[in-house]
Structures are given as structure tokens and as C-alpha cells.
Amino acid sequence: MLHAFLRTLVKVTIASLIVGTVLAHFGITADQVIGEVGLSQRQLVELAERAASWALPNLLLGSLVIVPIWFLLYLFRPPGPSRSE
């Protein structure tokens, strides 16, 4: 599963580099795109900070419940064929 995620992440990164290069060739910048949407860089940073300040405490709280449950299920699962075969 991690391998598939990393492959997808590499594909998205390469596609983003290609599209970014094409847009830069035509003189389109990130500032222009953000401005067309109606945001400034400062507003975008503030939105990202608000999102992080909401998400991180909830992520921590959820992981305090989920990680021990996952560990117990992983520890006591019945033996079976390994996934590497």
C-alpha cells in the first residue's frame, strides 16, 4: 500500500512540474492565479494556518484512540500468509 501511495505521489509531482513549466513558459505565475481567484498570498497563508490549527488537534485526538486499537488488532490477528508472497 505504501508503495502505491509513493508511486502516486511521484506521478503527481512529475505532472505538477510539467504543468508548472508549461504555465511558466506562457508567463503565468502563481501570484496571477491566486489573484484571479480573489485571494492574496497573505489570505492564503491565513487560511492554511486556520486549517492546520483546526486539523492538528483533531488529528492528535483521533490518533490517541485509533493507534492503540490498531496496535491491539495487529498484535492479536490470526497468523496467515504474509503479504510479500
PDB file of N, CA and C in Angstrom:
ATOM      1  N   MET A   1       0.817  -1.184   0.000  1.00  0.00           N
ATOM      2  CA  MET A   1       0.000   0.000   0.000  1.00  0.00           C
ATOM      3  C   MET A   1       0.868   1.258   0.000  1.00  0.00           C
ATOM      4  N   LEU A   2       1.921   1.241   0.791  1.00  0.00           N
ATOM      5  CA  LEU A   2       2.804   2.400   0.832  1.00  0.00           C
ATOM      6  C   LEU A   2       3.480   2.597  -0.522  1.00  0.00           C
ATOM      7  N   HIS A   3       3.813   1.483  -1.170  1.00  0.00           N
ATOM      8  CA  HIS A   3       4.450   1.563  -2.484  1.00  0.00           C
ATOM      9  C   HIS A   3       3.525   2.245  -3.487  1.00  0.00           C
ATOM     10  N   ALA A   4       2.241   1.890  -3.476  1.00  0.00           N
ATOM     11  CA  ALA A   4       1.278   2.503  -4.388  1.00  0.00           C
ATOM     12  C   ALA A   4       1.118   3.993  -4.080  1.00  0.00           C
ATOM     13  N   PHE A   5       1.096   4.337  -2.807  1.00  0.00           N
ATOM     14  CA  PHE A   5       0.990   5.749  -2.419  1.00  0.00           C
ATOM     15  C   PHE A   5       2.197   6.535  -2.909  1.00  0.00           C
ATOM     16  N   LEU A   6       3.391   5.989  -2.725  1.00  0.00           N
ATOM     17  CA  LEU A   6       4.603   6.691  -3.161  1.00  0.00           C
ATOM     18  C   LEU A   6       4.640   6.838  -4.680  1.00  0.00           C
ATOM     19  N   ARG A   7       4.187   5.796  -5.407  1.00  0.00           N
ATOM     20  CA  ARG A   7       4.128   5.894  -6.865  1.00  0.00           C
ATOM     21  C   ARG A   7       3.189   7.014  -7.285  1.00  0.00           C
ATOM     22  N   THR A   8       2.031   7.088  -6.644  1.00  0.00           N
ATOM     23  CA  THR A   8       1.072   8.143  -6.962  1.00  0.00           C
ATOM     24  C   THR A   8       1.648   9.511  -6.635  1.00  0.00           C
ATOM     25  N   LEU A   9       2.336   9.619  -5.502  1.00  0.00           N
ATOM     26  CA  LEU A   9       2.951  10.887  -5.120  1.00  0.00           C
ATOM     27  C   LEU A   9       4.000  11.327  -6.141  1.00  0.00           C
ATOM     28  N   VAL A  10       4.792  10.405  -6.636  1.00  0.00           N
ATOM     29  CA  VAL A  10       5.798  10.730  -7.661  1.00  0.00           C
ATOM     30  C   VAL A  10       5.119  11.167  -8.953  1.00  0.00           C
ATOM     31  N   LYS A  11       4.048  10.477  -9.345  1.00  0.00           N
ATOM     32  CA  LYS A  11       3.332  10.843 -10.572  1.00  0.00           C
ATOM     33  C   LYS A  11       2.745  12.245 -10.464  1.00  0.00           C
ATOM     34  N   VAL A  12       2.136  12.556  -9.316  1.00  0.00           N
ATOM     35  CA  VAL A  12       1.552  13.892  -9.127  1.00  0.00           C
ATOM     36  C   VAL A  12       2.645  14.953  -9.141  1.00  0.00           C
ATOM     37  N   THR A  13       3.784  14.646  -8.530  1.00  0.00           N
ATOM     38  CA  THR A  13       4.907  15.597  -8.521  1.00  0.00           C
ATOM     39  C   THR A  13       5.418  15.861  -9.924  1.00  0.00           C
ATOM     40  N   ILE A  14       5.582  14.816 -10.714  1.00  0.00           N
ATOM     41  CA  ILE A  14       6.078  14.980 -12.088  1.00  0.00           C
ATOM     42  C   ILE A  14       5.066  15.747 -12.934  1.00  0.00           C
ATOM     43  N   ALA A  15       3.781  15.407 -12.794  1.00  0.00           N
ATOM     44  CA  ALA A  15       2.747  16.122 -13.552  1.00  0.00           C
ATOM     45  C   ALA A  15       2.716  17.597 -13.159  1.00  0.00           C
ATOM     46  N   SER A  16       2.873  17.885 -11.871  1.00  0.00           N
ATOM     47  CA  SER A  16       2.880  19.273 -11.409  1.00  0.00           C
ATOM     48  C   SER A  16       4.074  20.040 -11.977  1.00  0.00           C
ATOM     49  N   LEU A  17       5.229  19.398 -12.025  1.00  0.00           N
ATOM     50  CA  LEU A  17       6.407  20.048 -12.607  1.00  0.00           C
ATOM     51  C   LEU A  17       6.209  20.341 -14.085  1.00  0.00           C
ATOM     52  N   ILE A  18       5.604  19.404 -14.806  1.00  0.00           N
ATOM     53  CA  ILE A  18       5.380  19.604 -16.242  1.00  0.00           C
ATOM     54  C   ILE A  18       4.394  20.746 -16.474  1.00  0.00           C
ATOM     55  N   VAL A  19       3.274  20.725 -15.764  1.00  0.00           N
ATOM     56  CA  VAL A  19       2.263  21.782 -15.932  1.00  0.00           C
ATOM     57  C   VAL A  19       2.835  23.127 -15.501  1.00  0.00           C
ATOM     58  N   GLY A  20       3.581  23.156 -14.398  1.00  0.00           N
ATOM     59  CA  GLY A  20       4.198  24.391 -13.942  1.00  0.00           C
ATOM     60  C   GLY A  20       5.179  24.949 -14.959  1.00  0.00           C
ATOM     61  N   THR A  21       5.933  24.079 -15.597  1.00  0.00           N
ATOM     62  CA  THR A  21       6.883  24.514 -16.622  1.00  0.00           C
ATOM     63  C   THR A  21       6.164  25.094 -17.832  1.00  0.00           C
ATOM     64  N   VAL A  22       5.089  24.436 -18.249  1.00  0.00           N
ATOM     65  CA  VAL A  22       4.310  24.935 -19.390  1.00  0.00           C
ATOM     66  C   VAL A  22       3.686  26.289 -19.058  1.00  0.00           C
ATOM     67  N   LEU A  23       3.096  26.419 -17.873  1.00  0.00           N
ATOM     68  CA  LEU A  23       2.495  27.686 -17.489  1.00  0.00           C
ATOM     69  C   LEU A  23       3.545  28.789 -17.388  1.00  0.00           C
ATOM     70  N   ALA A  24       4.714  28.480 -16.828  1.00  0.00           N
ATOM     71  CA  ALA A  24       5.787  29.475 -16.735  1.00  0.00           C
ATOM     72  C   ALA A  24       6.254  29.901 -18.125  1.00  0.00           C
ATOM     73  N   HIS A  25       6.235  28.981 -19.066  1.00  0.00           N
ATOM     74  CA  HIS A  25       6.626  29.306 -20.439  1.00  0.00           C
ATOM     75  C   HIS A  25       5.689  30.362 -21.033  1.00  0.00           C
ATOM     76  N   PHE A  26       4.409  30.303 -20.669  1.00  0.00           N
ATOM     77  CA  PHE A  26       3.442  31.275 -21.161  1.00  0.00           C
ATOM     78  C   PHE A  26       3.348  32.511 -20.273  1.00  0.00           C
ATOM     79  N   GLY A  27       4.197  32.610 -19.265  1.00  0.00           N
ATOM     80  CA  GLY A  27       4.252  33.795 -18.417  1.00  0.00           C
ATOM     81  C   GLY A  27       3.199  33.833 -17.317  1.00  0.00           C
ATOM     82  N   ILE A  28       2.608  32.703 -17.001  1.00  0.00           N
ATOM     83  CA  ILE A  28       1.602  32.654 -15.944  1.00  0.00           C
ATOM     84  C   ILE A  28       2.305  32.311 -14.637  1.00  0.00           C
ATOM     85  N   THR A  29       2.077  33.135 -13.610  1.00  0.00           N
ATOM     86  CA  THR A  29       2.721  32.910 -12.317  1.00  0.00           C
ATOM     87  C   THR A  29       1.690  32.513 -11.270  1.00  0.00           C
ATOM     88  N   ALA A  30       2.186  32.005 -10.161  1.00  0.00           N
ATOM     89  CA  ALA A  30       1.302  31.621  -9.061  1.00  0.00           C
ATOM     90  C   ALA A  30       0.593  32.847  -8.486  1.00  0.00           C
ATOM     91  N   ASP A  31       1.271  33.983  -8.437  1.00  0.00           N
ATOM     92  CA  ASP A  31       0.656  35.220  -7.944  1.00  0.00           C
ATOM     93  C   ASP A  31      -0.546  35.617  -8.801  1.00  0.00           C
ATOM     94  N   GLN A  32      -0.424  35.471 -10.106  1.00  0.00           N
ATOM     95  CA  GLN A  32      -1.528  35.803 -11.002  1.00  0.00           C
ATOM     96  C   GLN A  32      -2.722  34.874 -10.770  1.00  0.00           C
ATOM     97  N   VAL A  33      -2.458  33.587 -10.646  1.00  0.00           N
ATOM     98  CA  VAL A  33      -3.548  32.624 -10.452  1.00  0.00           C
ATOM     99  C   VAL A  33      -4.240  32.867  -9.110  1.00  0.00           C
ATOM    100  N   ILE A  34      -3.466  33.093  -8.066  1.00  0.00           N
ATOM    101  CA  ILE A  34      -4.043  33.360  -6.742  1.00  0.00           C
ATOM    102  C   ILE A  34      -4.864  34.652  -6.787  1.00  0.00           C
ATOM    103  N   GLY A  35      -4.368  35.672  -7.492  1.00  0.00           N
ATOM    104  CA  GLY A  35      -5.091  36.931  -7.618  1.00  0.00           C
ATOM    105  C   GLY A  35      -6.387  36.773  -8.397  1.00  0.00           C
ATOM    106  N   GLU A  36      -6.388  35.942  -9.427  1.00  0.00           N
ATOM    107  CA  GLU A  36      -7.599  35.713 -10.216  1.00  0.00           C
ATOM    108  C   GLU A  36      -8.677  35.026  -9.389  1.00  0.00           C
ATOM    109  N   VAL A  37      -8.280  34.218  -8.435  1.00  0.00           N
ATOM    110  CA  VAL A  37      -9.235  33.536  -7.569  1.00  0.00           C
ATOM    111  C   VAL A  37      -9.816  34.524  -6.558  1.00  0.00           C
ATOM    112  N   GLY A  38      -9.122  35.615  -6.336  1.00  0.00           N
ATOM    113  CA  GLY A  38      -9.614  36.634  -5.415  1.00  0.00           C
ATOM    114  C   GLY A  38      -8.950  36.572  -4.050  1.00  0.00           C
ATOM    115  N   LEU A  39      -7.794  35.963  -3.991  1.00  0.00           N
ATOM    116  CA  LEU A  39      -7.061  35.863  -2.735  1.00  0.00           C
ATOM    117  C   LEU A  39      -5.718  36.562  -2.868  1.00  0.00           C
ATOM    118  N   SER A  40      -5.171  36.930  -1.732  1.00  0.00           N
ATOM    119  CA  SER A  40      -3.793  37.408  -1.709  1.00  0.00           C
ATOM    120  C   SER A  40      -2.942  36.307  -1.066  1.00  0.00           C
ATOM    121  N   GLN A  41      -1.644  36.457  -1.157  1.00  0.00           N
ATOM    122  CA  GLN A  41      -0.771  35.463  -0.531  1.00  0.00           C
ATOM    123  C   GLN A  41      -0.986  35.445   0.976  1.00  0.00           C
ATOM    124  N   ARG A  42      -1.199  36.605   1.551  1.00  0.00           N
ATOM    125  CA  ARG A  42      -1.431  36.689   2.998  1.00  0.00           C
ATOM    126  C   ARG A  42      -2.709  35.945   3.396  1.00  0.00           C
ATOM    127  N   GLN A  43      -3.779  36.138   2.616  1.00  0.00           N
ATOM    128  CA  GLN A  43      -5.030  35.431   2.903  1.00  0.00           C
ATOM    129  C   GLN A  43      -4.855  33.922   2.765  1.00  0.00           C
ATOM    130  N   LEU A  44      -4.101  33.511   1.778  1.00  0.00           N
ATOM    131  CA  LEU A  44      -3.858  32.086   1.569  1.00  0.00           C
ATOM    132  C   LEU A  44      -3.090  31.484   2.740  1.00  0.00           C
ATOM    133  N   VAL A  45      -2.091  32.203   3.234  1.00  0.00           N
ATOM    134  CA  VAL A  45      -1.329  31.740   4.396  1.00  0.00           C
ATOM    135  C   VAL A  45      -2.223  31.674   5.628  1.00  0.00           C
ATOM    136  N   GLU A  46      -3.087  32.678   5.812  1.00  0.00           N
ATOM    137  CA  GLU A  46      -4.002  32.671   6.951  1.00  0.00           C
ATOM    138  C   GLU A  46      -4.976  31.504   6.877  1.00  0.00           C
ATOM    139  N   LEU A  47      -5.474  31.200   5.681  1.00  0.00           N
ATOM    140  CA  LEU A  47      -6.368  30.050   5.521  1.00  0.00           C
ATOM    141  C   LEU A  47      -5.645  28.742   5.847  1.00  0.00           C
ATOM    142  N   ALA A  48      -4.403  28.628   5.414  1.00  0.00           N
ATOM    143  CA  ALA A  48      -3.624  27.418   5.702  1.00  0.00           C
ATOM    144  C   ALA A  48      -3.368  27.284   7.202  1.00  0.00           C
ATOM    145  N   GLU A  49      -3.077  28.409   7.868  1.00  0.00           N
ATOM    146  CA  GLU A  49      -2.859  28.381   9.318  1.00  0.00           C
ATOM    147  C   GLU A  49      -4.132  27.990  10.063  1.00  0.00           C
ATOM    148  N   ARG A  50      -5.276  28.532   9.626  1.00  0.00           N
ATOM    149  CA  ARG A  50      -6.549  28.172  10.264  1.00  0.00           C
ATOM    150  C   ARG A  50      -6.862  26.703  10.059  1.00  0.00           C
ATOM    151  N   ALA A  51      -6.587  26.190   8.861  1.00  0.00           N
ATOM    152  CA  ALA A  51      -6.837  24.773   8.582  1.00  0.00           C
ATOM    153  C   ALA A  51      -5.948  23.890   9.457  1.00  0.00           C
ATOM    154  N   ALA A  52      -4.684  24.265   9.585  1.00  0.00           N
ATOM    155  CA  ALA A  52      -3.769  23.484  10.412  1.00  0.00           C
ATOM    156  C   ALA A  52      -4.147  23.564  11.882  1.00  0.00           C
ATOM    157  N   SER A  53      -4.579  24.744  12.343  1.00  0.00           N
ATOM    158  CA  SER A  53      -4.944  24.880  13.756  1.00  0.00           C
ATOM    159  C   SER A  53      -6.217  24.106  14.078  1.00  0.00           C
ATOM    160  N   TRP A  54      -7.048  23.845  13.086  1.00  0.00           N
ATOM    161  CA  TRP A  54      -8.228  23.002  13.296  1.00  0.00           C
ATOM    162  C   TRP A  54      -7.866  21.525  13.177  1.00  0.00           C
ATOM    163  N   ALA A  55      -7.073  21.181  12.168  1.00  0.00           N
ATOM    164  CA  ALA A  55      -6.820  19.773  11.855  1.00  0.00           C
ATOM    165  C   ALA A  55      -5.865  19.100  12.841  1.00  0.00           C
ATOM    166  N   LEU A  56      -4.813  19.761  13.251  1.00  0.00           N
ATOM    167  CA  LEU A  56      -3.808  19.106  14.079  1.00  0.00           C
ATOM    168  C   LEU A  56      -4.345  18.629  15.431  1.00  0.00           C
ATOM    169  N   PRO A  57      -5.096  19.433  16.182  1.00  0.00           N
ATOM    170  CA  PRO A  57      -5.641  18.911  17.445  1.00  0.00           C
ATOM    171  C   PRO A  57      -6.601  17.732  17.232  1.00  0.00           C
ATOM    172  N   ASN A  58      -7.424  17.818  16.183  1.00  0.00           N
ATOM    173  CA  ASN A  58      -8.340  16.717  15.903  1.00  0.00           C
ATOM    174  C   ASN A  58      -7.595  15.461  15.466  1.00  0.00           C
ATOM    175  N   LEU A  59      -6.530  15.634  14.709  1.00  0.00           N
ATOM    176  CA  LEU A  59      -5.711  14.506  14.292  1.00  0.00           C
ATOM    177  C   LEU A  59      -5.058  13.841  15.490  1.00  0.00           C
ATOM    178  N   LEU A  60      -4.535  14.632  16.400  1.00  0.00           N
ATOM    179  CA  LEU A  60      -3.907  14.097  17.605  1.00  0.00           C
ATOM    180  C   LEU A  60      -4.932  13.368  18.470  1.00  0.00           C
ATOM    181  N   LEU A  61      -6.082  13.968  18.661  1.00  0.00           N
ATOM    182  CA  LEU A  61      -7.128  13.352  19.474  1.00  0.00           C
ATOM    183  C   LEU A  61      -7.587  12.026  18.869  1.00  0.00           C
ATOM    184  N   GLY A  62      -7.807  12.007  17.590  1.00  0.00           N
ATOM    185  CA  GLY A  62      -8.215  10.772  16.920  1.00  0.00           C
ATOM    186  C   GLY A  62      -7.152   9.696  16.983  1.00  0.00           C
ATOM    187  N   SER A  63      -5.895  10.092  16.837  1.00  0.00           N
ATOM    188  CA  SER A  63      -4.820   9.099  16.870  1.00  0.00           C
ATOM    189  C   SER A  63      -4.640   8.505  18.257  1.00  0.00           C
ATOM    190  N   LEU A  64      -5.015   9.252  19.300  1.00  0.00           N
ATOM    191  CA  LEU A  64      -4.935   8.704  20.658  1.00  0.00           C
ATOM    192  C   LEU A  64      -5.902   7.537  20.847  1.00  0.00           C
ATOM    193  N   VAL A  65      -6.934   7.473  20.048  1.00  0.00           N
ATOM    194  CA  VAL A  65      -7.885   6.365  20.114  1.00  0.00           C
ATOM    195  C   VAL A  65      -7.546   5.302  19.068  1.00  0.00           C
ATOM    196  N   ILE A  66      -7.284   5.716  17.850  1.00  0.00           N
ATOM    197  CA  ILE A  66      -7.121   4.788  16.740  1.00  0.00           C
ATOM    198  C   ILE A  66      -5.836   3.974  16.828  1.00  0.00           C
ATOM    199  N   VAL A  67      -4.721   4.596  17.161  1.00  0.00           N
ATOM    200  CA  VAL A  67      -3.430   3.888  17.162  1.00  0.00           C
ATOM    201  C   VAL A  67      -3.406   2.735  18.169  1.00  0.00           C
ATOM    202  N   PRO A  68      -3.858   2.895  19.419  1.00  0.00           N
ATOM    203  CA  PRO A  68      -3.869   1.733  20.317  1.00  0.00           C
ATOM    204  C   PRO A  68      -4.805   0.616  19.844  1.00  0.00           C
ATOM    205  N   ILE A  69      -5.963   0.985  19.291  1.00  0.00           N
ATOM    206  CA  ILE A  69      -6.871  -0.043  18.771  1.00  0.00           C
ATOM    207  C   ILE A  69      -6.221  -0.780  17.617  1.00  0.00           C
ATOM    208  N   TRP A  70      -5.601  -0.044  16.685  1.00  0.00           N
ATOM    209  CA  TRP A  70      -4.917  -0.683  15.563  1.00  0.00           C
ATOM    210  C   TRP A  70      -3.810  -1.607  16.062  1.00  0.00           C
ATOM    211  N   PHE A  71      -3.035  -1.148  17.049  1.00  0.00           N
ATOM    212  CA  PHE A  71      -1.938  -1.958  17.570  1.00  0.00           C
ATOM    213  C   PHE A  71      -2.459  -3.256  18.173  1.00  0.00           C
ATOM    214  N   LEU A  72      -3.534  -3.188  18.940  1.00  0.00           N
ATOM    215  CA  LEU A  72      -4.097  -4.403  19.528  1.00  0.00           C
ATOM    216  C   LEU A  72      -4.619  -5.355  18.452  1.00  0.00           C
ATOM    217  N   LEU A  73      -5.293  -4.828  17.456  1.00  0.00           N
ATOM    218  CA  LEU A  73      -5.764  -5.678  16.366  1.00  0.00           C
ATOM    219  C   LEU A  73      -4.597  -6.300  15.611  1.00  0.00           C
ATOM    220  N   TYR A  74      -3.557  -5.534  15.376  1.00  0.00           N
ATOM    221  CA  TYR A  74      -2.370  -6.035  14.689  1.00  0.00           C
ATOM    222  C   TYR A  74      -1.676  -7.106  15.523  1.00  0.00           C
ATOM    223  N   LEU A  75      -1.611  -6.901  16.828  1.00  0.00           N
ATOM    224  CA  LEU A  75      -0.925  -7.818  17.725  1.00  0.00           C
ATOM    225  C   LEU A  75      -1.653  -9.154  17.831  1.00  0.00           C
ATOM    226  N   PHE A  76      -2.966  -9.129  17.858  1.00  0.00           N
ATOM    227  CA  PHE A  76      -3.743 -10.338  18.079  1.00  0.00           C
ATOM    228  C   PHE A  76      -4.409 -10.905  16.826  1.00  0.00           C
ATOM    229  N   ARG A  77      -4.010 -10.464  15.651  1.00  0.00           N
ATOM    230  CA  ARG A  77      -4.607 -11.020  14.440  1.00  0.00           C
ATOM    231  C   ARG A  77      -4.113 -12.448  14.245  1.00  0.00           C
ATOM    232  N   PRO A  78      -4.941 -13.291  13.625  1.00  0.00           N
ATOM    233  CA  PRO A  78      -4.531 -14.680  13.428  1.00  0.00           C
ATOM    234  C   PRO A  78      -3.402 -14.763  12.406  1.00  0.00           C
ATOM    235  N   PRO A  79      -2.532 -15.754  12.580  1.00  0.00           N
ATOM    236  CA  PRO A  79      -1.438 -15.906  11.614  1.00  0.00           C
ATOM    237  C   PRO A  79      -1.992 -16.314  10.259  1.00  0.00           C
ATOM    238  N   GLY A  80      -1.328 -15.890   9.247  1.00  0.00           N
ATOM    239  CA  GLY A  80      -1.749 -16.212   7.888  1.00  0.00           C
ATOM    240  C   GLY A  80      -0.589 -16.007   6.939  1.00  0.00           C
ATOM    241  N   PRO A  81      -0.852 -16.173   5.660  1.00  0.00           N
ATOM    242  CA  PRO A  81       0.246 -15.964   4.693  1.00  0.00           C
ATOM    243  C   PRO A  81       0.692 -14.512   4.699  1.00  0.00           C
ATOM    244  N   SER A  82       1.972 -14.346   4.542  1.00  0.00           N
ATOM    245  CA  SER A  82       2.492 -12.973   4.529  1.00  0.00           C
ATOM    246  C   SER A  82       2.098 -12.278   3.235  1.00  0.00           C
ATOM    247  N   ARG A  83       2.039 -10.970   3.275  1.00  0.00           N
ATOM    248  CA  ARG A  83       1.613 -10.198   2.095  1.00  0.00           C
ATOM    249  C   ARG A  83       2.728 -10.103   1.048  1.00  0.00           C
ATOM    250  N   SER A  84       3.951 -10.437   1.425  1.00  0.00           N
ATOM    251  CA  SER A  84       5.061 -10.313   0.489  1.00  0.00           C
ATOM    252  C   SER A  84       5.133 -11.480  -0.493  1.00  0.00           C
ATOM    253  N   GLU A  85       4.354 -12.513  -0.244  1.00  0.00           N
ATOM    254  CA  GLU A  85       4.405 -13.680  -1.139  1.00  0.00           C
ATOM    255  C   GLU A  85       3.544 -13.488  -2.344  1.00  0.00           C
TER     256      GLU A  85
END
